[in-house]
Amino acid sequence: MFMFFVGHSAGGLIVASSAHVFNIEAFKKVALPAVIVSTVSICLAGMFILIDLGGIVRVWRMLTGPNMLSPLMWDMIVITCYLVINILDIVWISKGDEKKVAVLSWFALPTAILVHSVTAWIFGLQIARTWYTAIMAPIFVASACDSGLALLLIALVALEARGLFTTGEALFKKLAGLLAVFVVVDAYLVGCELITMGYPGAEEATALAVITTGATAPFFWFEIVGGLIVPFAILVVAKNRGKRGLVALSSVLVIAGVACKRIWLLFTGFVAPY
């Protein structure tokens, strides 16, 4: 769940900050809801870390006995910076201070990418576990982009339904088209991982069998079919990208697929003993 919500958060901030970094004028309109979604998600992600610590009363040990070689410590540092950036972004966007938002975006975009890369390194740097590899960070960032944008699209549809926000037909179609692109990139990276790690004779070939036919197979195949193929098939058709219902359905499927990815990715690493 920590992986899941960090991805949502990173994806939302990537969309919001890209509007100013790359001067995409249309995206600036959805910057505020994107940052709000990002902030809520990162707070939820942090709450799940407290479970790993065994309780909130142990948080102080992260400050009095930090292990700077631990990716978890890196994550704590980058998430703290990330949360501060999000809060400043919300305040300055609300005030309409475009100059400050534009400057902050240059820090927000790399931080958003870094926050999910560090999360990936928590797994990728565990040499005692199979399947966690160097490509973890790109896979995590790609899935953050599609799940974060999917969550933003769902939020926009909900806000429009209540009359609280108007996205506009052209912008909504652009965002839906961008989601289709993110889905393709995510699928490509997953394919690269499967071919590399599961090639005959590779040490991780046993893990591939577990993913495709074993205990984690239902989660893997749901992601591939329900979380990647079906949403792409819907969104690749231009007229479908203007239909709120179909885009919302695709977004829900993408998020469910990413949730399944977190499950099969995590537990596949436990197939082989230490």
Protein backbone atom coordinates (compact mmCIF):
# COMPACT_ATOMS: atom_id res chain seq x y z
CA MET A 1 0.00 0.00 0.00
CA PHE A 2 2.97 2.29 0.58
CA MET A 3 4.14 1.63 -3.00
CA PHE A 4 0.59 2.06 -4.26
CA PHE A 5 -0.05 5.50 -2.72
CA VAL A 6 3.43 6.89 -3.37
CA GLY A 7 2.79 6.11 -7.04
CA HIS A 8 -0.52 7.99 -7.02
CA SER A 9 1.18 10.94 -5.37
CA ALA A 10 4.18 11.07 -7.70
CA GLY A 11 1.99 10.83 -10.80
CA GLY A 12 -0.20 13.71 -9.68
CA LEU A 13 2.73 16.03 -8.99
CA ILE A 14 4.46 15.07 -12.25
CA VAL A 15 1.39 16.26 -14.19
CA ALA A 16 1.08 19.46 -12.13
CA SER A 17 4.75 20.44 -12.27
CA SER A 18 5.14 19.54 -15.96
CA ALA A 19 2.60 22.24 -16.79
CA HIS A 20 5.08 24.94 -15.73
CA VAL A 21 8.41 23.22 -16.47
CA PHE A 22 7.43 22.48 -20.08
CA ASN A 23 5.07 25.47 -20.32
CA ILE A 24 2.02 23.34 -21.15
CA GLU A 25 -0.59 26.04 -20.67
CA ALA A 26 -3.59 23.70 -20.83
CA PHE A 27 -2.31 21.54 -17.93
CA LYS A 28 -2.05 24.54 -15.60
CA LYS A 29 -5.83 24.46 -15.25
CA VAL A 30 -5.73 21.08 -13.45
CA ALA A 31 -2.58 21.81 -11.45
CA LEU A 32 -4.44 22.51 -8.19
CA PRO A 33 -6.58 19.32 -8.12
CA ALA A 34 -3.48 17.35 -9.22
CA VAL A 35 -1.41 18.66 -6.30
CA ILE A 36 -4.25 18.09 -3.82
CA VAL A 37 -4.59 14.47 -4.98
CA SER A 38 -0.81 14.16 -4.72
CA THR A 39 -0.74 15.53 -1.15
CA VAL A 40 -3.52 13.28 0.11
CA SER A 41 -1.83 10.25 -1.46
CA ILE A 42 1.60 10.94 0.05
CA CYS A 43 0.03 11.38 3.51
CA LEU A 44 -1.69 8.00 3.14
CA ALA A 45 1.59 6.43 1.99
CA GLY A 46 3.37 7.76 5.07
CA MET A 47 0.70 6.30 7.35
CA PHE A 48 1.41 2.81 6.00
CA ILE A 49 5.10 3.18 6.90
CA LEU A 50 4.04 3.57 10.53
CA ILE A 51 2.74 -0.01 10.33
CA ASP A 52 6.21 -1.20 9.28
CA LEU A 53 7.77 0.70 12.18
CA GLY A 54 5.49 -1.12 14.59
CA GLY A 55 3.85 2.08 15.82
CA ILE A 56 4.11 5.85 15.69
CA VAL A 57 6.03 5.96 18.98
CA ARG A 58 9.09 4.65 17.14
CA VAL A 59 9.28 7.49 14.63
CA TRP A 60 11.75 9.39 16.81
CA ARG A 61 14.32 6.62 16.26
CA MET A 62 14.51 7.63 12.59
CA LEU A 63 15.96 10.93 13.82
CA THR A 64 18.15 9.75 16.71
CA GLY A 65 19.56 6.64 15.00
CA PRO A 66 19.41 7.19 11.24
CA ASN A 67 21.09 4.65 8.96
CA MET A 68 22.12 6.65 5.90
CA LEU A 69 22.85 3.46 3.97
CA SER A 70 19.19 2.46 4.21
CA PRO A 71 16.88 3.31 1.27
CA LEU A 72 14.10 3.68 3.85
CA MET A 73 16.02 6.60 5.35
CA TRP A 74 16.45 8.10 1.88
CA ASP A 75 12.71 7.72 1.41
CA MET A 76 11.94 9.51 4.66
CA ILE A 77 14.12 12.46 3.61
CA VAL A 78 12.75 12.76 0.08
CA ILE A 79 9.12 12.31 1.19
CA THR A 80 9.52 15.06 3.79
CA CYS A 81 10.87 17.42 1.11
CA TYR A 82 8.13 16.25 -1.23
CA LEU A 83 5.37 17.05 1.27
CA VAL A 84 6.76 20.53 1.90
CA ILE A 85 6.85 21.17 -1.86
CA ASN A 86 3.24 20.00 -2.22
CA ILE A 87 2.00 22.25 0.58
CA LEU A 88 3.82 25.28 -0.85
CA ASP A 89 2.44 24.44 -4.30
CA ILE A 90 -1.15 24.36 -3.02
CA VAL A 91 -0.73 27.67 -1.18
CA TRP A 92 0.89 29.51 -4.09
CA ILE A 93 -1.46 28.10 -6.73
CA SER A 94 -4.44 29.11 -4.58
CA LYS A 95 -3.02 32.63 -4.28
CA GLY A 96 -2.36 32.78 -8.02
CA ASP A 97 1.36 33.43 -7.54
CA GLU A 98 2.46 32.03 -10.89
CA LYS A 99 6.08 33.14 -10.55
CA LYS A 100 6.66 31.18 -7.34
CA VAL A 101 4.76 28.16 -8.68
CA ALA A 102 6.88 28.17 -11.83
CA VAL A 103 10.13 28.24 -9.83
CA LEU A 104 8.89 25.56 -7.42
CA SER A 105 7.91 23.29 -10.32
CA TRP A 106 11.57 22.94 -11.31
CA PHE A 107 12.17 21.33 -7.91
CA ALA A 108 8.84 19.50 -7.77
CA LEU A 109 9.26 17.51 -10.99
CA PRO A 110 12.62 15.85 -10.16
CA THR A 111 11.49 15.32 -6.57
CA ALA A 112 8.33 13.55 -7.78
CA ILE A 113 10.43 11.26 -9.97
CA LEU A 114 12.96 10.72 -7.18
CA VAL A 115 10.38 9.87 -4.54
CA HIS A 116 9.16 6.84 -6.47
CA SER A 117 12.64 5.91 -7.63
CA VAL A 118 13.79 5.71 -4.01
CA THR A 119 10.74 3.55 -3.25
CA ALA A 120 11.85 1.22 -6.06
CA TRP A 121 15.40 1.09 -4.66
CA ILE A 122 13.99 -0.24 -1.38
CA PHE A 123 13.36 -3.39 -3.43
CA GLY A 124 16.03 -3.16 -6.12
CA LEU A 125 18.89 -2.93 -3.62
CA GLN A 126 17.86 -6.08 -1.72
CA ILE A 127 20.48 -8.45 -3.08
CA ALA A 128 19.07 -11.33 -1.03
CA ARG A 129 15.82 -11.28 -3.02
CA THR A 130 15.35 -12.41 -6.59
CA TRP A 131 13.42 -10.43 -9.18
CA TYR A 132 14.16 -6.99 -7.69
CA THR A 133 16.45 -5.47 -10.32
CA ALA A 134 17.99 -2.27 -11.66
CA ILE A 135 14.93 -1.63 -13.83
CA MET A 136 12.68 -1.31 -10.77
CA ALA A 137 12.95 2.51 -10.70
CA PRO A 138 11.81 3.07 -14.33
CA ILE A 139 8.95 0.58 -13.83
CA PHE A 140 7.85 2.34 -10.65
CA VAL A 141 7.96 5.79 -12.26
CA ALA A 142 6.01 4.58 -15.32
CA SER A 143 3.30 3.00 -13.19
CA ALA A 144 3.22 6.15 -11.04
CA CYS A 145 2.52 8.23 -14.12
CA ASP A 146 -0.40 6.09 -15.28
CA SER A 147 -1.94 5.44 -11.84
CA GLY A 148 -1.47 9.06 -10.71
CA LEU A 149 -3.02 10.45 -13.89
CA ALA A 150 -5.82 7.87 -13.69
CA LEU A 151 -6.63 9.00 -10.14
CA LEU A 152 -6.59 12.64 -11.26
CA LEU A 153 -9.02 11.86 -14.11
CA ILE A 154 -11.38 10.13 -11.69
CA ALA A 155 -11.20 13.16 -9.38
CA LEU A 156 -11.92 15.52 -12.28
CA VAL A 157 -14.94 13.46 -13.37
CA ALA A 158 -16.25 13.47 -9.78
CA LEU A 159 -15.72 17.24 -9.42
CA GLU A 160 -17.48 17.91 -12.72
CA ALA A 161 -20.41 15.70 -11.70
CA ARG A 162 -20.88 17.85 -8.59
CA GLY A 163 -20.47 21.08 -10.54
CA LEU A 164 -17.31 22.04 -8.63
CA PHE A 165 -14.86 22.10 -11.55
CA THR A 166 -14.90 22.31 -15.33
CA THR A 167 -12.07 20.59 -17.13
CA GLY A 168 -13.10 21.35 -20.69
CA GLU A 169 -13.52 18.89 -23.55
CA ALA A 170 -10.16 19.50 -25.25
CA LEU A 171 -8.10 19.27 -22.05
CA PHE A 172 -9.94 16.17 -20.86
CA LYS A 173 -9.20 14.42 -24.16
CA LYS A 174 -5.52 15.40 -23.92
CA LEU A 175 -5.26 13.96 -20.42
CA ALA A 176 -7.01 10.76 -21.49
CA GLY A 177 -4.65 10.47 -24.47
CA LEU A 178 -1.66 11.01 -22.19
CA LEU A 179 -2.92 8.19 -19.96
CA ALA A 180 -2.94 5.87 -22.99
CA VAL A 181 0.70 6.79 -23.67
CA PHE A 182 1.68 6.13 -20.04
CA VAL A 183 -0.05 2.74 -20.17
CA VAL A 184 1.98 1.74 -23.24
CA VAL A 185 5.26 2.78 -21.59
CA ASP A 186 4.34 0.85 -18.45
CA ALA A 187 3.51 -2.25 -20.50
CA TYR A 188 6.78 -1.98 -22.44
CA LEU A 189 8.88 -1.84 -19.25
CA VAL A 190 7.04 -4.78 -17.71
CA GLY A 191 7.70 -6.73 -20.90
CA CYS A 192 11.40 -5.85 -20.75
CA GLU A 193 11.56 -7.09 -17.17
CA LEU A 194 9.80 -10.36 -17.93
CA ILE A 195 11.99 -11.18 -20.94
CA THR A 196 15.24 -10.31 -19.17
CA MET A 197 14.50 -12.04 -15.88
CA GLY A 198 12.65 -15.02 -17.30
CA TYR A 199 14.92 -15.92 -20.21
CA PRO A 200 15.74 -19.66 -20.17
CA GLY A 201 18.71 -20.32 -17.92
CA ALA A 202 18.32 -17.10 -15.95
CA GLU A 203 18.39 -17.49 -12.19
CA GLU A 204 14.98 -15.81 -11.90
CA ALA A 205 13.23 -18.11 -14.41
CA THR A 206 11.60 -19.93 -11.47
CA ALA A 207 10.09 -16.67 -10.29
CA LEU A 208 8.64 -16.08 -13.76
CA ALA A 209 6.80 -19.39 -13.53
CA VAL A 210 5.28 -18.28 -10.24
CA ILE A 211 4.19 -14.98 -11.76
CA THR A 212 2.59 -16.48 -14.86
CA THR A 213 1.17 -19.75 -13.54
CA GLY A 214 1.70 -19.83 -9.77
CA ALA A 215 0.45 -18.07 -6.65
CA THR A 216 0.73 -14.52 -7.98
CA ALA A 217 -0.55 -15.33 -11.49
CA PRO A 218 -4.12 -13.97 -10.94
CA PHE A 219 -2.71 -10.56 -9.99
CA PHE A 220 -0.23 -10.54 -12.87
CA TRP A 221 -2.76 -11.47 -15.54
CA PHE A 222 -5.33 -9.01 -14.22
CA GLU A 223 -2.75 -6.25 -14.54
CA ILE A 224 -1.80 -7.28 -18.08
CA VAL A 225 -5.33 -7.74 -19.38
CA GLY A 226 -7.49 -5.54 -17.14
CA GLY A 227 -4.95 -2.89 -16.20
CA LEU A 228 -3.08 -2.43 -19.48
CA ILE A 229 -4.68 -4.01 -22.57
CA VAL A 230 -8.33 -3.10 -21.92
CA PRO A 231 -7.71 0.54 -20.86
CA PHE A 232 -5.41 1.09 -23.83
CA ALA A 233 -7.95 -0.46 -26.21
CA ILE A 234 -10.56 1.99 -24.91
CA LEU A 235 -8.40 5.11 -24.83
CA VAL A 236 -6.64 4.58 -28.15
CA VAL A 237 -9.96 5.31 -29.89
CA ALA A 238 -10.18 9.10 -30.19
CA LYS A 239 -13.95 9.40 -29.68
CA ASN A 240 -13.78 7.37 -26.46
CA ARG A 241 -11.41 9.88 -24.87
CA GLY A 242 -14.20 12.44 -24.75
CA LYS A 243 -16.62 10.12 -22.94
CA ARG A 244 -16.35 10.67 -19.18
CA GLY A 245 -17.78 7.26 -18.31
CA LEU A 246 -15.36 5.28 -20.48
CA VAL A 247 -12.36 7.33 -19.35
CA ALA A 248 -13.37 6.86 -15.70
CA LEU A 249 -13.75 3.10 -16.27
CA SER A 250 -10.33 2.94 -17.93
CA SER A 251 -8.83 4.91 -15.05
CA VAL A 252 -10.32 2.56 -12.44
CA LEU A 253 -8.93 -0.43 -14.35
CA VAL A 254 -5.48 1.17 -14.56
CA ILE A 255 -5.45 1.81 -10.80
CA ALA A 256 -6.63 -1.75 -10.08
CA GLY A 257 -3.93 -3.07 -12.41
CA VAL A 258 -1.22 -1.09 -10.64
CA ALA A 259 -2.48 -2.39 -7.28
CA CYS A 260 -2.12 -5.94 -8.64
CA LYS A 261 1.37 -5.07 -9.90
CA ARG A 262 2.39 -4.08 -6.36
CA ILE A 263 1.13 -7.43 -5.05
CA TRP A 264 2.79 -9.73 -7.58
CA LEU A 265 6.00 -7.70 -7.62
CA LEU A 266 6.32 -7.75 -3.83
CA PHE A 267 5.53 -11.41 -3.20
CA THR A 268 7.42 -12.80 -6.18
CA GLY A 269 10.60 -11.70 -4.42
CA PHE A 270 9.80 -14.15 -1.63
CA VAL A 271 9.63 -17.22 -3.90
CA ALA A 272 13.29 -18.18 -3.48
CA PRO A 273 14.68 -18.55 0.07
CA TYR A 274 17.55 -16.37 1.26
